[in-house]
Amino acid sequence: MTPILAVNASGICFTYQEGTRALEEVDFRINSGEFVAMLASNGSGKTTLIKVLIGLLKPEKGRVEINGLEINSISKKELYQQVGLVLQNPIDQLFAATVEEDVAYGPRNLGLDEEEVQRRVSEALECVAALELRCRAIHHLSFGEQKRVSMAGVLAMKPSILILDEPTAGLDPAGEALMMRLLNRLNREQGITVILATHSVDLLPLFADRIYVLQRGKVLKQGPSEEIFCDYEMITNACLRLPYIAALLHKLKQHDGVPINGLPLTIGEARMRLLELIPEDVIVKPTEATN
């Protein structure tokens, strides 16, 4: 069965008025239900591409389709019910006095009755583990809480596609892990198509089905994590880095000649590869270690 395309952007070109060529013949295709990362260093065009995908910028060349419909044929109201955007800085998105008022704004603007509005508010806040924040003032929230509430406001519109610009930026490691787990649950359990723009690489192998690497307005490569991060030269040229565990194993292979099979991207994979190199008779089993 041919996968259903949630996003189909082809031949996208965009130049800003001052002459900066931000996108050059970009093809970007996302299947319905995928979790896809847009990986790029600052100034590589990922934010511009996001704005093109949601209709905030019109490309000088190329075509964008959302769920099979050409973007220019969809009203803004219909488009924003299908595609939700979560901005990098939540303060740019939050404007109401309380959490409940902010999350309810979108559904109320759709003309829904108050019972349905309140149901959507509860569901959206529960999805982002923020139900206990419902009556809190926006200015009393931590940065991580603001990020989750801004996402809830988008989810209350019931989009089938969720686009996030640097959702983990400014979060501590625990907050970053929580955000990625929330996105993974939305994707796996609710079937929401997730497009995540980031330059943070360490958690992507755990969550992303595919990764697009952008550099200077062009797609350098796209594919699953193992294909992307095995191309060390491409990653370096894109001004990015390998995940920390992969970077360590890469140095062991390249500089120390350790015959590691493949290039592990997670701690679990690295453990398996390293155990393959250790004679079985010198490995201490857990039961032996406790005796």
Foldseek 3Di string as FASTA:
>chain_A
DDFFWQKWKFQFWAADPVGQTQAGGATDTDGQLFAEEEAFDPSQRPVVVVCCQLVVDPTPDIWMDGRRHTNVVDDNLRSLLAEFEQEQQLVVQADDFALLVSLLVSVVVVVDDPVLSVVLLCVLCVLLVRNVRRGPTLVVDDRLSSLSSSSSSSCSSVHLEYEYEASCPPPDPVSNVSVQVSVQCCSPVVRRHYYYYDNDAQCCLVGGQKYFYTGSNYTPDMGHPLVVLLPQVSCVVSVGHAHPQQVVVVCCCPPVVDPFDGRDRDPVNVVVRVVVVDPPVVDQDPVNVVD
